[in-house]
C-alpha atoms as a PDB file:
ATOM      1  CA  MET A   1      87.036 118.657 111.210  1.00  0.00           C
ATOM      2  CA  TYR A   2      86.891 116.198 108.157  1.00  0.00           C
ATOM      3  CA  GLU A   3      88.686 112.587 108.254  1.00  0.00           C
ATOM      4  CA  HIS A   4      89.775 111.441 104.991  1.00  0.00           C
ATOM      5  CA  PHE A   5      91.478 108.326 103.937  1.00  0.00           C
ATOM      6  CA  PHE A   6      93.756 107.977 100.877  1.00  0.00           C
ATOM      7  CA  GLN A   7      96.970 106.211  99.303  1.00  0.00           C
ATOM      8  CA  CYS A   8     100.094 107.940  99.687  1.00  0.00           C
ATOM      9  CA  PRO A   9     101.558 108.683  96.182  1.00  0.00           C
ATOM     10  CA  HIS A  10     105.185 107.392  97.324  1.00  0.00           C
ATOM     11  CA  CYS A  11     104.568 104.295  99.475  1.00  0.00           C
ATOM     12  CA  TRP A  12     100.956 103.330  98.517  1.00  0.00           C
ATOM     13  CA  GLU A  13      99.776 102.795 102.211  1.00  0.00           C
ATOM     14  CA  GLU A  14      96.584 104.117 103.225  1.00  0.00           C
ATOM     15  CA  ILE A  15      96.849 107.150 105.482  1.00  0.00           C
ATOM     16  CA  SER A  16      94.272 109.313 107.112  1.00  0.00           C
ATOM     17  CA  MET A  17      94.569 113.416 107.454  1.00  0.00           C
ATOM     18  CA  LEU A  18      92.048 115.740 109.037  1.00  0.00           C
ATOM     19  CA  LEU A  19      90.977 118.322 106.808  1.00  0.00           C
ATOM     20  CA  ASP A  20      89.281 121.708 107.796  1.00  0.00           C
ATOM     21  CA  SER A  21      85.979 121.872 106.202  1.00  0.00           C
ATOM     22  CA  SER A  22      85.537 125.621 107.030  1.00  0.00           C
ATOM     23  CA  VAL A  23      88.020 126.533 104.531  1.00  0.00           C
ATOM     24  CA  ARG A  24      86.410 126.375 100.837  1.00  0.00           C
ATOM     25  CA  HIS A  25      90.040 125.513  99.101  1.00  0.00           C
ATOM     26  CA  GLN A  26      93.170 124.623 100.693  1.00  0.00           C
ATOM     27  CA  LYS A  27      96.500 123.736  98.838  1.00  0.00           C
ATOM     28  CA  TYR A  28      99.338 122.592 101.343  1.00  0.00           C
ATOM     29  CA  ILE A  29     102.148 120.157 101.616  1.00  0.00           C
ATOM     30  CA  GLU A  30     101.926 117.541 104.509  1.00  0.00           C
ATOM     31  CA  ASP A  31     104.339 114.749 105.194  1.00  0.00           C
ATOM     32  CA  CYS A  32     103.121 111.063 104.885  1.00  0.00           C
ATOM     33  CA  GLU A  33     103.012 109.393 108.355  1.00  0.00           C
ATOM     34  CA  ILE A  34     104.146 106.217 107.160  1.00  0.00           C
ATOM     35  CA  CYS A  35     107.194 107.005 104.888  1.00  0.00           C
ATOM     36  CA  CYS A  36     107.839 110.842 105.946  1.00  0.00           C
ATOM     37  CA  ASN A  37     107.792 111.818 101.967  1.00  0.00           C
ATOM     38  CA  PRO A  38     106.171 115.129 101.191  1.00  0.00           C
ATOM     39  CA  ILE A  39     102.606 115.373  99.648  1.00  0.00           C
ATOM     40  CA  GLU A  40     101.064 118.033  97.837  1.00  0.00           C
ATOM     41  CA  LEU A  41      97.315 118.141  99.070  1.00  0.00           C
ATOM     42  CA  ASP A  42      94.843 120.146  97.173  1.00  0.00           C
ATOM     43  CA  VAL A  43      91.250 120.214  99.112  1.00  0.00           C
ATOM     44  CA  SER A  44      87.813 121.759  98.056  1.00  0.00           C
ATOM     45  CA  PHE A  45      84.768 121.774  99.984  1.00  0.00           C
ATOM     46  CA  GLU A  46      81.198 123.277  99.274  1.00  0.00           C
ATOM     47  CA  ASP A  47      78.739 123.576 102.064  1.00  0.00           C
ATOM     48  CA  GLY A  48      80.963 121.383 104.732  1.00  0.00           C
ATOM     49  CA  GLU A  49      81.028 118.711 102.089  1.00  0.00           C
ATOM     50  CA  LEU A  50      84.400 117.379 100.223  1.00  0.00           C
ATOM     51  CA  ILE A  51      83.939 117.990  96.720  1.00  0.00           C
ATOM     52  CA  GLY A  52      87.595 117.735  95.385  1.00  0.00           C
ATOM     53  CA  PHE A  53      90.689 115.966  96.653  1.00  0.00           C
ATOM     54  CA  SER A  54      94.292 115.337  95.160  1.00  0.00           C
ATOM     55  CA  ALA A  55      97.335 114.232  96.746  1.00  0.00           C
ATOM     56  CA  ASP A  56     100.438 114.292  94.511  1.00  0.00           C
ATOM     57  CA  GLY A  57     103.837 113.067  95.590  1.00  0.00           C
ATOM     58  CA  ILE A  58     106.692 115.869  95.454  1.00  0.00           C
ATOM     59  CA  GLY A  59     109.847 115.137  93.819  1.00  0.00           C
ATOM     60  CA  GLN A  60     108.468 111.884  91.662  1.00  0.00           C
END
């Protein structure tokens, strides 16, 4: 597992999420732990290292 810190695109608070580095590409929706709004995450790993990350607000 890989812990990644980023800003919520809705409330701009810094949050962290645990990402599964054993899966090369993941795209899923997770709610912000602060404001509970949905965030679409697009995550890419290569050889266990994070090489791509985006967190976009849904409904903006």
